[in-house]
């Protein structure tokens, strides 16, 4: 891998600062999970820069409220809402088959964290199903639209939201869905977020020739409804980690900044398969590194391994087809 890429933005930058002076007129963007948290601010900043933004959300009533607010605050009326439940493959298919025309930016922002053990009708563990497989199916289904967007404007981008939580677990191909090992909600979350980075690595290998740039980002710690499943013990753990300086909470506007860097920054034109943190490419840290103020902003090598990425793609594709 080439030297790590930096930008003029930092941990305290906001999404609006990243898009300041950027003209996205004529750009069509999809943001999943855009009815809450950093998804709202991601969509708002894209709309402020002139993009036509589709909010792909599970709760369309909430989505319509957000869309109206974005239009009111940005003056951009090209904000629409479409239903998408990433845990439901039929919903994903409905979204992708109903999409018409080119797509220039896909932000895989939606996610769940530390949920109790749940399974989809296919038997897939819920966090892996939503955070990885749902977005994987969405990107596959929209590949043609992204390719058309790249042909039209020179490049299309996909931003996949990962997390520092990827450091807690690689992908366990022997037991992806916790059918044999004891379920640990944070290990399951970590596995799903490692999978998110690996998707960016393999999608880059497969799709770079189509003009599609795919990167993964860690938005940082943001207090949103993502943490609604936290137990008292998990809350105490993260309080201690914050007190120890392992991470610092960001605002939703700051959390969306790294997403916007991956989405629009010229430094990442034609550059994919990377993991960004605090608005720049993260450095690789040892796989056995303990979380510290320094290592928590890095990326484990298991999440960037090209052979693992190819294996995950093949396994995921087979899961989607039931083969």
C-alpha atoms as a PDB file:
ATOM      1  CA  UNK A   1       0.000   0.000   0.000  1.00  0.00           C
ATOM      2  CA  UNK A   2       1.201   3.481  -0.751  1.00  0.00           C
ATOM      3  CA  UNK A   3       1.932   6.074   1.955  1.00  0.00           C
ATOM      4  CA  UNK A   4      -1.068   7.105   4.029  1.00  0.00           C
ATOM      5  CA  UNK A   5      -3.150  10.002   2.769  1.00  0.00           C
ATOM      6  CA  UNK A   6      -3.802  13.082   4.858  1.00  0.00           C
ATOM      7  CA  UNK A   7      -6.104  16.051   4.346  1.00  0.00           C
ATOM      8  CA  UNK A   8      -6.354  19.521   5.838  1.00  0.00           C
ATOM      9  CA  UNK A   9      -9.244  18.331   8.008  1.00  0.00           C
ATOM     10  CA  UNK A  10      -9.045  16.777  11.462  1.00  0.00           C
ATOM     11  CA  UNK A  11     -10.987  15.144  14.298  1.00  0.00           C
ATOM     12  CA  UNK A  12     -12.750  18.412  15.079  1.00  0.00           C
ATOM     13  CA  UNK A  13     -13.722  19.275  11.502  1.00  0.00           C
ATOM     14  CA  UNK A  14     -17.402  19.213  10.567  1.00  0.00           C
ATOM     15  CA  UNK A  15     -19.160  17.879   7.508  1.00  0.00           C
ATOM     16  CA  UNK A  16     -20.059  21.396   6.394  1.00  0.00           C
ATOM     17  CA  UNK A  17     -16.405  22.404   6.552  1.00  0.00           C
ATOM     18  CA  UNK A  18     -15.475  19.483   4.312  1.00  0.00           C
ATOM     19  CA  UNK A  19     -18.046  20.376   1.633  1.00  0.00           C
ATOM     20  CA  UNK A  20     -17.462  24.142   1.807  1.00  0.00           C
ATOM     21  CA  UNK A  21     -16.746  25.292  -1.742  1.00  0.00           C
ATOM     22  CA  UNK A  22     -17.653  21.893  -3.204  1.00  0.00           C
ATOM     23  CA  UNK A  23     -20.318  21.953  -5.934  1.00  0.00           C
ATOM     24  CA  UNK A  24     -22.268  18.693  -6.135  1.00  0.00           C
ATOM     25  CA  UNK A  25     -24.897  19.965  -8.543  1.00  0.00           C
ATOM     26  CA  UNK A  26     -25.916  17.061 -10.789  1.00  0.00           C
ATOM     27  CA  UNK A  27     -24.672  14.476  -8.276  1.00  0.00           C
ATOM     28  CA  UNK A  28     -27.108  11.786  -7.137  1.00  0.00           C
ATOM     29  CA  UNK A  29     -26.424  10.341  -3.696  1.00  0.00           C
ATOM     30  CA  UNK A  30     -27.966   7.622  -1.525  1.00  0.00           C
ATOM     31  CA  UNK A  31     -27.429   7.683   2.240  1.00  0.00           C
ATOM     32  CA  UNK A  32     -28.659   4.700   4.244  1.00  0.00           C
ATOM     33  CA  UNK A  33     -29.782   5.231   7.816  1.00  0.00           C
ATOM     34  CA  UNK A  34     -30.315   8.924   7.116  1.00  0.00           C
ATOM     35  CA  UNK A  35     -33.216   9.366   9.537  1.00  0.00           C
ATOM     36  CA  UNK A  36     -30.999   9.716  12.609  1.00  0.00           C
ATOM     37  CA  UNK A  37     -27.549  10.543  13.934  1.00  0.00           C
ATOM     38  CA  UNK A  38     -24.674  11.175  11.590  1.00  0.00           C
ATOM     39  CA  UNK A  39     -26.760   9.991   8.649  1.00  0.00           C
ATOM     40  CA  UNK A  40     -28.834  13.156   8.941  1.00  0.00           C
ATOM     41  CA  UNK A  41     -25.778  15.406   8.943  1.00  0.00           C
ATOM     42  CA  UNK A  42     -24.185  13.492   6.075  1.00  0.00           C
ATOM     43  CA  UNK A  43     -27.312  13.955   3.967  1.00  0.00           C
ATOM     44  CA  UNK A  44     -27.678  17.582   5.024  1.00  0.00           C
ATOM     45  CA  UNK A  45     -24.155  18.527   3.988  1.00  0.00           C
ATOM     46  CA  UNK A  46     -24.494  16.715   0.658  1.00  0.00           C
ATOM     47  CA  UNK A  47     -27.738  18.580   0.019  1.00  0.00           C
ATOM     48  CA  UNK A  48     -26.139  21.863   1.039  1.00  0.00           C
ATOM     49  CA  UNK A  49     -23.467  21.243  -1.614  1.00  0.00           C
ATOM     50  CA  UNK A  50     -26.173  20.755  -4.233  1.00  0.00           C
ATOM     51  CA  UNK A  51     -26.531  16.987  -4.494  1.00  0.00           C
ATOM     52  CA  UNK A  52     -29.860  15.258  -5.054  1.00  0.00           C
ATOM     53  CA  UNK A  53     -30.044  13.035  -1.969  1.00  0.00           C
ATOM     54  CA  UNK A  54     -32.119   9.920  -1.360  1.00  0.00           C
ATOM     55  CA  UNK A  55     -32.646   9.010   2.278  1.00  0.00           C
ATOM     56  CA  UNK A  56     -32.806   5.208   2.380  1.00  0.00           C
ATOM     57  CA  UNK A  57     -34.470   4.496   5.707  1.00  0.00           C
ATOM     58  CA  UNK A  58     -36.422   1.871   7.610  1.00  0.00           C
ATOM     59  CA  UNK A  59     -38.793   4.413   9.185  1.00  0.00           C
ATOM     60  CA  UNK A  60     -40.126   6.463   6.284  1.00  0.00           C
ATOM     61  CA  UNK A  61     -42.194   8.733   8.547  1.00  0.00           C
ATOM     62  CA  UNK A  62     -39.022   9.787  10.354  1.00  0.00           C
ATOM     63  CA  UNK A  63     -37.275  10.024   7.006  1.00  0.00           C
ATOM     64  CA  UNK A  64     -39.851  12.432   5.637  1.00  0.00           C
ATOM     65  CA  UNK A  65     -39.459  14.664   8.690  1.00  0.00           C
ATOM     66  CA  UNK A  66     -35.696  14.708   8.173  1.00  0.00           C
ATOM     67  CA  UNK A  67     -36.082  15.409   4.449  1.00  0.00           C
ATOM     68  CA  UNK A  68     -38.353  18.370   5.172  1.00  0.00           C
ATOM     69  CA  UNK A  69     -35.867  19.717   7.698  1.00  0.00           C
ATOM     70  CA  UNK A  70     -32.951  19.329   5.278  1.00  0.00           C
ATOM     71  CA  UNK A  71     -34.858  21.152   2.566  1.00  0.00           C
ATOM     72  CA  UNK A  72     -35.782  23.913   5.022  1.00  0.00           C
ATOM     73  CA  UNK A  73     -32.187  24.380   6.187  1.00  0.00           C
ATOM     74  CA  UNK A  74     -30.441  24.046   2.817  1.00  0.00           C
ATOM     75  CA  UNK A  75     -33.005  25.238   0.285  1.00  0.00           C
ATOM     76  CA  UNK A  76     -32.433  22.030  -1.669  1.00  0.00           C
ATOM     77  CA  UNK A  77     -35.743  20.437  -2.638  1.00  0.00           C
ATOM     78  CA  UNK A  78     -34.103  17.414  -4.297  1.00  0.00           C
ATOM     79  CA  UNK A  79     -34.284  15.309  -1.128  1.00  0.00           C
ATOM     80  CA  UNK A  80     -36.444  12.203  -1.295  1.00  0.00           C
ATOM     81  CA  UNK A  81     -37.174   9.240   0.936  1.00  0.00           C
ATOM     82  CA  UNK A  82     -37.287   5.562   0.031  1.00  0.00           C
ATOM     83  CA  UNK A  83     -37.881   2.550   2.291  1.00  0.00           C
ATOM     84  CA  UNK A  84     -34.947   0.253   3.009  1.00  0.00           C
ATOM     85  CA  UNK A  85     -34.661  -2.434   5.683  1.00  0.00           C
ATOM     86  CA  UNK A  86     -31.169  -3.882   5.470  1.00  0.00           C
ATOM     87  CA  UNK A  87     -32.155  -6.935   7.530  1.00  0.00           C
ATOM     88  CA  UNK A  88     -34.720  -7.844   4.866  1.00  0.00           C
ATOM     89  CA  UNK A  89     -33.250  -8.975   1.568  1.00  0.00           C
ATOM     90  CA  UNK A  90     -36.595  -8.460  -0.180  1.00  0.00           C
ATOM     91  CA  UNK A  91     -36.519  -4.814   0.904  1.00  0.00           C
ATOM     92  CA  UNK A  92     -32.992  -4.437  -0.460  1.00  0.00           C
ATOM     93  CA  UNK A  93     -34.049  -5.979  -3.779  1.00  0.00           C
ATOM     94  CA  UNK A  94     -37.048  -3.670  -3.966  1.00  0.00           C
ATOM     95  CA  UNK A  95     -34.778  -0.674  -3.461  1.00  0.00           C
ATOM     96  CA  UNK A  96     -32.199  -1.664  -6.056  1.00  0.00           C
ATOM     97  CA  UNK A  97     -34.642  -2.827  -8.728  1.00  0.00           C
ATOM     98  CA  UNK A  98     -36.676   0.367  -8.418  1.00  0.00           C
ATOM     99  CA  UNK A  99     -33.629   2.602  -8.801  1.00  0.00           C
ATOM    100  CA  UNK A 100     -33.451   4.288 -12.185  1.00  0.00           C
ATOM    101  CA  UNK A 101     -30.580   6.163 -13.771  1.00  0.00           C
ATOM    102  CA  UNK A 102     -27.001   6.800 -12.684  1.00  0.00           C
ATOM    103  CA  UNK A 103     -25.786   6.989  -9.084  1.00  0.00           C
ATOM    104  CA  UNK A 104     -22.672   8.939  -8.161  1.00  0.00           C
ATOM    105  CA  UNK A 105     -22.373   8.394  -4.416  1.00  0.00           C
ATOM    106  CA  UNK A 106     -23.516   5.580  -2.123  1.00  0.00           C
ATOM    107  CA  UNK A 107     -23.019   6.069   1.614  1.00  0.00           C
ATOM    108  CA  UNK A 108     -23.544   2.843   3.552  1.00  0.00           C
ATOM    109  CA  UNK A 109     -24.188   4.638   6.824  1.00  0.00           C
ATOM    110  CA  UNK A 110     -26.900   2.596   8.557  1.00  0.00           C
ATOM    111  CA  UNK A 111     -25.956   0.159  11.267  1.00  0.00           C
ATOM    112  CA  UNK A 112     -26.800  -1.610  14.487  1.00  0.00           C
ATOM    113  CA  UNK A 113     -24.550  -2.137  17.486  1.00  0.00           C
ATOM    114  CA  UNK A 114     -24.357  -4.581  20.385  1.00  0.00           C
ATOM    115  CA  UNK A 115     -27.832  -5.982  19.822  1.00  0.00           C
ATOM    116  CA  UNK A 116     -29.050  -9.044  21.721  1.00  0.00           C
ATOM    117  CA  UNK A 117     -28.751 -12.229  19.692  1.00  0.00           C
ATOM    118  CA  UNK A 118     -31.225 -12.058  16.815  1.00  0.00           C
ATOM    119  CA  UNK A 119     -31.388 -13.911  13.532  1.00  0.00           C
ATOM    120  CA  UNK A 120     -32.862 -13.037  10.159  1.00  0.00           C
ATOM    121  CA  UNK A 121     -35.215 -15.506   8.453  1.00  0.00           C
ATOM    122  CA  UNK A 122     -32.128 -16.869   6.663  1.00  0.00           C
ATOM    123  CA  UNK A 123     -30.528 -17.615  10.033  1.00  0.00           C
ATOM    124  CA  UNK A 124     -27.942 -14.851   9.741  1.00  0.00           C
ATOM    125  CA  UNK A 125     -26.755 -13.093  12.894  1.00  0.00           C
ATOM    126  CA  UNK A 126     -28.469  -9.702  12.939  1.00  0.00           C
ATOM    127  CA  UNK A 127     -25.449  -7.382  13.154  1.00  0.00           C
ATOM    128  CA  UNK A 128     -23.600  -9.209  10.380  1.00  0.00           C
ATOM    129  CA  UNK A 129     -26.788  -9.212   8.312  1.00  0.00           C
ATOM    130  CA  UNK A 130     -27.440  -5.487   8.644  1.00  0.00           C
ATOM    131  CA  UNK A 131     -23.969  -3.992   8.828  1.00  0.00           C
ATOM    132  CA  UNK A 132     -22.373  -6.184   6.176  1.00  0.00           C
ATOM    133  CA  UNK A 133     -24.680  -8.428   4.145  1.00  0.00           C
ATOM    134  CA  UNK A 134     -27.461  -5.872   3.691  1.00  0.00           C
ATOM    135  CA  UNK A 135     -25.065  -3.211   2.464  1.00  0.00           C
ATOM    136  CA  UNK A 136     -23.182  -5.780   0.370  1.00  0.00           C
ATOM    137  CA  UNK A 137     -26.420  -6.710  -1.406  1.00  0.00           C
ATOM    138  CA  UNK A 138     -27.306  -3.040  -1.804  1.00  0.00           C
ATOM    139  CA  UNK A 139     -23.974  -2.194  -3.406  1.00  0.00           C
ATOM    140  CA  UNK A 140     -24.152  -5.203  -5.720  1.00  0.00           C
ATOM    141  CA  UNK A 141     -27.645  -4.233  -6.779  1.00  0.00           C
ATOM    142  CA  UNK A 142     -26.606  -0.642  -7.444  1.00  0.00           C
ATOM    143  CA  UNK A 143     -23.336  -1.508  -9.188  1.00  0.00           C
ATOM    144  CA  UNK A 144     -24.772  -0.818 -12.621  1.00  0.00           C
ATOM    145  CA  UNK A 145     -26.053   2.583 -11.516  1.00  0.00           C
ATOM    146  CA  UNK A 146     -22.685   3.422  -9.951  1.00  0.00           C
ATOM    147  CA  UNK A 147     -20.879   2.354 -13.115  1.00  0.00           C
ATOM    148  CA  UNK A 148     -23.189   4.597 -15.129  1.00  0.00           C
ATOM    149  CA  UNK A 149     -22.531   7.440 -12.699  1.00  0.00           C
ATOM    150  CA  UNK A 150     -18.790   6.979 -13.107  1.00  0.00           C
ATOM    151  CA  UNK A 151     -19.123   6.980 -16.902  1.00  0.00           C
ATOM    152  CA  UNK A 152     -21.090  10.204 -16.689  1.00  0.00           C
ATOM    153  CA  UNK A 153     -18.886  12.139 -14.256  1.00  0.00           C
ATOM    154  CA  UNK A 154     -15.546  10.313 -14.331  1.00  0.00           C
ATOM    155  CA  UNK A 155     -15.915   8.629 -10.961  1.00  0.00           C
ATOM    156  CA  UNK A 156     -18.473   7.235  -8.531  1.00  0.00           C
ATOM    157  CA  UNK A 157     -17.753   6.673  -4.860  1.00  0.00           C
ATOM    158  CA  UNK A 158     -18.965   4.285  -2.180  1.00  0.00           C
ATOM    159  CA  UNK A 159     -18.361   5.067   1.486  1.00  0.00           C
ATOM    160  CA  UNK A 160     -18.766   2.171   3.911  1.00  0.00           C
ATOM    161  CA  UNK A 161     -19.043   3.088   7.580  1.00  0.00           C
ATOM    162  CA  UNK A 162     -16.905   0.906   9.793  1.00  0.00           C
ATOM    163  CA  UNK A 163     -15.799   1.577  13.377  1.00  0.00           C
ATOM    164  CA  UNK A 164     -12.886   1.316  15.763  1.00  0.00           C
ATOM    165  CA  UNK A 165     -14.950  -1.621  16.975  1.00  0.00           C
ATOM    166  CA  UNK A 166     -13.476  -3.623  14.093  1.00  0.00           C
ATOM    167  CA  UNK A 167     -10.403  -3.982  16.307  1.00  0.00           C
ATOM    168  CA  UNK A 168     -12.268  -6.330  18.635  1.00  0.00           C
ATOM    169  CA  UNK A 169     -12.745  -9.128  16.120  1.00  0.00           C
ATOM    170  CA  UNK A 170     -11.719 -10.375  12.685  1.00  0.00           C
ATOM    171  CA  UNK A 171     -14.206 -12.283  10.551  1.00  0.00           C
ATOM    172  CA  UNK A 172     -14.654 -15.819  11.883  1.00  0.00           C
ATOM    173  CA  UNK A 173     -15.396 -17.839   8.757  1.00  0.00           C
ATOM    174  CA  UNK A 174     -15.888 -21.006  10.824  1.00  0.00           C
ATOM    175  CA  UNK A 175     -18.829 -19.517  12.718  1.00  0.00           C
ATOM    176  CA  UNK A 176     -20.052 -16.305  11.105  1.00  0.00           C
ATOM    177  CA  UNK A 177     -23.457 -16.448  12.753  1.00  0.00           C
ATOM    178  CA  UNK A 178     -22.563 -17.626  16.282  1.00  0.00           C
ATOM    179  CA  UNK A 179     -24.120 -21.035  15.855  1.00  0.00           C
ATOM    180  CA  UNK A 180     -21.396 -22.767  17.870  1.00  0.00           C
ATOM    181  CA  UNK A 181     -19.544 -20.108  19.873  1.00  0.00           C
ATOM    182  CA  UNK A 182     -21.103 -18.140  22.697  1.00  0.00           C
ATOM    183  CA  UNK A 183     -22.678 -14.933  21.454  1.00  0.00           C
ATOM    184  CA  UNK A 184     -20.886 -11.751  22.451  1.00  0.00           C
ATOM    185  CA  UNK A 185     -22.623  -8.608  21.117  1.00  0.00           C
ATOM    186  CA  UNK A 186     -19.414  -6.581  20.834  1.00  0.00           C
ATOM    187  CA  UNK A 187     -17.499  -9.399  19.141  1.00  0.00           C
ATOM    188  CA  UNK A 188     -20.365  -9.727  16.675  1.00  0.00           C
ATOM    189  CA  UNK A 189     -20.279  -5.976  16.111  1.00  0.00           C
ATOM    190  CA  UNK A 190     -16.515  -6.030  15.615  1.00  0.00           C
ATOM    191  CA  UNK A 191     -16.758  -8.868  13.114  1.00  0.00           C
ATOM    192  CA  UNK A 192     -19.377  -6.973  11.102  1.00  0.00           C
ATOM    193  CA  UNK A 193     -17.233  -3.840  11.036  1.00  0.00           C
ATOM    194  CA  UNK A 194     -14.130  -5.765   9.969  1.00  0.00           C
ATOM    195  CA  UNK A 195     -16.297  -7.133   7.164  1.00  0.00           C
ATOM    196  CA  UNK A 196     -17.187  -3.574   6.172  1.00  0.00           C
ATOM    197  CA  UNK A 197     -13.527  -2.692   5.602  1.00  0.00           C
ATOM    198  CA  UNK A 198     -12.878  -5.941   3.758  1.00  0.00           C
ATOM    199  CA  UNK A 199     -15.784  -5.115   1.443  1.00  0.00           C
ATOM    200  CA  UNK A 200     -14.059  -1.838   0.532  1.00  0.00           C
ATOM    201  CA  UNK A 201     -10.822  -3.677  -0.202  1.00  0.00           C
ATOM    202  CA  UNK A 202     -12.351  -6.278  -2.535  1.00  0.00           C
ATOM    203  CA  UNK A 203     -14.843  -3.892  -4.147  1.00  0.00           C
ATOM    204  CA  UNK A 204     -11.898  -1.695  -5.075  1.00  0.00           C
ATOM    205  CA  UNK A 205     -10.142  -4.624  -6.724  1.00  0.00           C
ATOM    206  CA  UNK A 206     -13.255  -5.622  -8.653  1.00  0.00           C
ATOM    207  CA  UNK A 207     -14.729  -2.223  -9.489  1.00  0.00           C
ATOM    208  CA  UNK A 208     -11.823   0.197  -9.908  1.00  0.00           C
ATOM    209  CA  UNK A 209     -11.897  -0.486 -13.642  1.00  0.00           C
ATOM    210  CA  UNK A 210     -15.500   0.730 -13.668  1.00  0.00           C
ATOM    211  CA  UNK A 211     -14.454   4.046 -12.129  1.00  0.00           C
ATOM    212  CA  UNK A 212     -15.923   3.177  -8.716  1.00  0.00           C
ATOM    213  CA  UNK A 213     -13.911   4.197  -5.654  1.00  0.00           C
ATOM    214  CA  UNK A 214     -14.765   2.390  -2.390  1.00  0.00           C
ATOM    215  CA  UNK A 215     -13.393   3.317   1.030  1.00  0.00           C
ATOM    216  CA  UNK A 216     -14.272   2.547   4.649  1.00  0.00           C
ATOM    217  CA  UNK A 217     -14.422   5.128   7.412  1.00  0.00           C
ATOM    218  CA  UNK A 218     -14.543   5.280  11.183  1.00  0.00           C
ATOM    219  CA  UNK A 219     -16.780   8.213  12.111  1.00  0.00           C
ATOM    220  CA  UNK A 220     -15.594   8.161  15.718  1.00  0.00           C
ATOM    221  CA  UNK A 221     -17.556   8.011  18.949  1.00  0.00           C
ATOM    222  CA  UNK A 222     -20.870   9.820  18.659  1.00  0.00           C
ATOM    223  CA  UNK A 223     -23.715   9.548  21.152  1.00  0.00           C
ATOM    224  CA  UNK A 224     -26.667   8.459  18.981  1.00  0.00           C
ATOM    225  CA  UNK A 225     -29.413   5.855  19.127  1.00  0.00           C
ATOM    226  CA  UNK A 226     -26.826   3.368  17.835  1.00  0.00           C
ATOM    227  CA  UNK A 227     -25.996   2.741  21.499  1.00  0.00           C
ATOM    228  CA  UNK A 228     -29.591   2.022  22.522  1.00  0.00           C
ATOM    229  CA  UNK A 229     -28.784  -1.654  23.182  1.00  0.00           C
ATOM    230  CA  UNK A 230     -25.884  -0.947  25.546  1.00  0.00           C
ATOM    231  CA  UNK A 231     -25.988  -2.728  28.873  1.00  0.00           C
ATOM    232  CA  UNK A 232     -24.916  -0.884  32.048  1.00  0.00           C
ATOM    233  CA  UNK A 233     -21.637  -2.781  31.820  1.00  0.00           C
ATOM    234  CA  UNK A 234     -20.984  -1.574  28.271  1.00  0.00           C
ATOM    235  CA  UNK A 235     -21.843   1.998  29.227  1.00  0.00           C
ATOM    236  CA  UNK A 236     -19.390   1.781  32.109  1.00  0.00           C
ATOM    237  CA  UNK A 237     -16.690   0.363  29.813  1.00  0.00           C
ATOM    238  CA  UNK A 238     -17.021   3.214  27.329  1.00  0.00           C
ATOM    239  CA  UNK A 239     -17.123   5.791  30.117  1.00  0.00           C
ATOM    240  CA  UNK A 240     -13.826   4.402  31.407  1.00  0.00           C
ATOM    241  CA  UNK A 241     -12.340   4.349  27.900  1.00  0.00           C
ATOM    242  CA  UNK A 242     -13.302   7.979  27.376  1.00  0.00           C
ATOM    243  CA  UNK A 243     -11.829   8.951  30.756  1.00  0.00           C
ATOM    244  CA  UNK A 244      -8.596   7.162  29.813  1.00  0.00           C
ATOM    245  CA  UNK A 245      -8.381   9.126  26.574  1.00  0.00           C
ATOM    246  CA  UNK A 246      -8.911   6.096  24.326  1.00  0.00           C
ATOM    247  CA  UNK A 247     -11.468   8.141  22.402  1.00  0.00           C
ATOM    248  CA  UNK A 248     -13.251  11.476  22.565  1.00  0.00           C
ATOM    249  CA  UNK A 249     -16.909  11.883  21.748  1.00  0.00           C
ATOM    250  CA  UNK A 250     -17.722  13.899  18.637  1.00  0.00           C
ATOM    251  CA  UNK A 251     -20.821  15.774  17.604  1.00  0.00           C
ATOM    252  CA  UNK A 252     -22.879  14.268  14.758  1.00  0.00           C
ATOM    253  CA  UNK A 253     -21.582  17.067  12.519  1.00  0.00           C
ATOM    254  CA  UNK A 254     -17.999  16.093  13.356  1.00  0.00           C
ATOM    255  CA  UNK A 255     -18.819  12.406  12.999  1.00  0.00           C
ATOM    256  CA  UNK A 256     -20.050  12.958   9.463  1.00  0.00           C
ATOM    257  CA  UNK A 257     -16.872  14.777   8.424  1.00  0.00           C
ATOM    258  CA  UNK A 258     -14.779  11.681   7.701  1.00  0.00           C
ATOM    259  CA  UNK A 259     -17.620  10.282   5.604  1.00  0.00           C
ATOM    260  CA  UNK A 260     -17.660  13.490   3.566  1.00  0.00           C
ATOM    261  CA  UNK A 261     -13.886  13.374   3.110  1.00  0.00           C
ATOM    262  CA  UNK A 262     -14.210   9.902   1.591  1.00  0.00           C
ATOM    263  CA  UNK A 263     -17.160  11.111  -0.473  1.00  0.00           C
ATOM    264  CA  UNK A 264     -15.804  14.324  -1.984  1.00  0.00           C
ATOM    265  CA  UNK A 265     -12.176  15.051  -1.061  1.00  0.00           C
ATOM    266  CA  UNK A 266      -9.867  15.269  -4.088  1.00  0.00           C
ATOM    267  CA  UNK A 267      -7.160  13.454  -2.131  1.00  0.00           C
ATOM    268  CA  UNK A 268      -9.176  10.240  -2.539  1.00  0.00           C
ATOM    269  CA  UNK A 269      -9.945  10.594  -6.232  1.00  0.00           C
ATOM    270  CA  UNK A 270      -9.152   7.205  -7.743  1.00  0.00           C
ATOM    271  CA  UNK A 271      -7.950   5.875  -4.380  1.00  0.00           C
ATOM    272  CA  UNK A 272      -9.890   2.991  -2.837  1.00  0.00           C
ATOM    273  CA  UNK A 273      -9.592   0.140  -0.383  1.00  0.00           C
ATOM    274  CA  UNK A 274      -8.518   2.429   2.451  1.00  0.00           C
ATOM    275  CA  UNK A 275      -9.748   2.948   6.016  1.00  0.00           C
ATOM    276  CA  UNK A 276     -10.136   6.561   7.137  1.00  0.00           C
ATOM    277  CA  UNK A 277     -10.230   7.949  10.661  1.00  0.00           C
ATOM    278  CA  UNK A 278     -10.387  11.607  11.731  1.00  0.00           C
ATOM    279  CA  UNK A 279     -10.497  12.775   8.108  1.00  0.00           C
ATOM    280  CA  UNK A 280      -7.353  10.998   6.951  1.00  0.00           C
ATOM    281  CA  UNK A 281      -6.179   7.509   6.137  1.00  0.00           C
ATOM    282  CA  UNK A 282      -5.420   5.496   9.254  1.00  0.00           C
ATOM    283  CA  UNK A 283      -2.159   3.704   9.821  1.00  0.00           C
ATOM    284  CA  UNK A 284      -1.992  -0.050  10.361  1.00  0.00           C
ATOM    285  CA  UNK A 285      -1.514  -1.135  13.966  1.00  0.00           C
ATOM    286  CA  UNK A 286      -0.505  -4.521  15.332  1.00  0.00           C
ATOM    287  CA  UNK A 287      -3.298  -7.074  15.450  1.00  0.00           C
ATOM    288  CA  UNK A 288      -2.614  -7.651  19.148  1.00  0.00           C
ATOM    289  CA  UNK A 289      -2.454  -3.943  20.015  1.00  0.00           C
ATOM    290  CA  UNK A 290      -4.467  -2.942  23.063  1.00  0.00           C
ATOM    291  CA  UNK A 291      -6.791   0.060  22.696  1.00  0.00           C
ATOM    292  CA  UNK A 292      -5.026   3.304  23.552  1.00  0.00           C
ATOM    293  CA  UNK A 293      -5.443   6.936  22.533  1.00  0.00           C
ATOM    294  CA  UNK A 294      -3.042   6.194  19.660  1.00  0.00           C
ATOM    295  CA  UNK A 295      -3.960   2.690  18.488  1.00  0.00           C
ATOM    296  CA  UNK A 296      -7.719   3.300  18.583  1.00  0.00           C
ATOM    297  CA  UNK A 297      -7.322   5.553  15.539  1.00  0.00           C
ATOM    298  CA  UNK A 298      -5.568   2.862  13.533  1.00  0.00           C
ATOM    299  CA  UNK A 299      -6.713  -0.146  11.540  1.00  0.00           C
ATOM    300  CA  UNK A 300      -5.938  -3.808  12.141  1.00  0.00           C
ATOM    301  CA  UNK A 301      -4.220  -5.584   9.269  1.00  0.00           C
ATOM    302  CA  UNK A 302      -6.849  -8.321   9.230  1.00  0.00           C
ATOM    303  CA  UNK A 303      -9.347  -5.770   7.943  1.00  0.00           C
ATOM    304  CA  UNK A 304      -7.155  -4.877   4.950  1.00  0.00           C
ATOM    305  CA  UNK A 305      -5.939  -8.338   3.947  1.00  0.00           C
ATOM    306  CA  UNK A 306      -6.742  -8.871   0.246  1.00  0.00           C
ATOM    307  CA  UNK A 307      -7.059 -12.658   0.458  1.00  0.00           C
ATOM    308  CA  UNK A 308      -9.474 -12.393   3.379  1.00  0.00           C
ATOM    309  CA  UNK A 309     -11.403  -9.722   1.483  1.00  0.00           C
ATOM    310  CA  UNK A 310     -11.767 -11.977  -1.565  1.00  0.00           C
ATOM    311  CA  UNK A 311     -12.841 -14.897   0.616  1.00  0.00           C
ATOM    312  CA  UNK A 312     -15.460 -12.788   2.380  1.00  0.00           C
ATOM    313  CA  UNK A 313     -16.852 -11.533  -0.934  1.00  0.00           C
ATOM    314  CA  UNK A 314     -17.229 -15.087  -2.228  1.00  0.00           C
ATOM    315  CA  UNK A 315     -18.803 -16.322   1.005  1.00  0.00           C
ATOM    316  CA  UNK A 316     -21.157 -13.344   1.159  1.00  0.00           C
ATOM    317  CA  UNK A 317     -22.254 -13.802  -2.440  1.00  0.00           C
ATOM    318  CA  UNK A 318     -23.064 -17.444  -1.740  1.00  0.00           C
ATOM    319  CA  UNK A 319     -25.082 -16.490   1.315  1.00  0.00           C
ATOM    320  CA  UNK A 320     -27.133 -14.051  -0.759  1.00  0.00           C
ATOM    321  CA  UNK A 321     -27.889 -16.668  -3.394  1.00  0.00           C
ATOM    322  CA  UNK A 322     -28.440 -19.479  -0.910  1.00  0.00           C
ATOM    323  CA  UNK A 323     -25.859 -21.640  -2.630  1.00  0.00           C
END
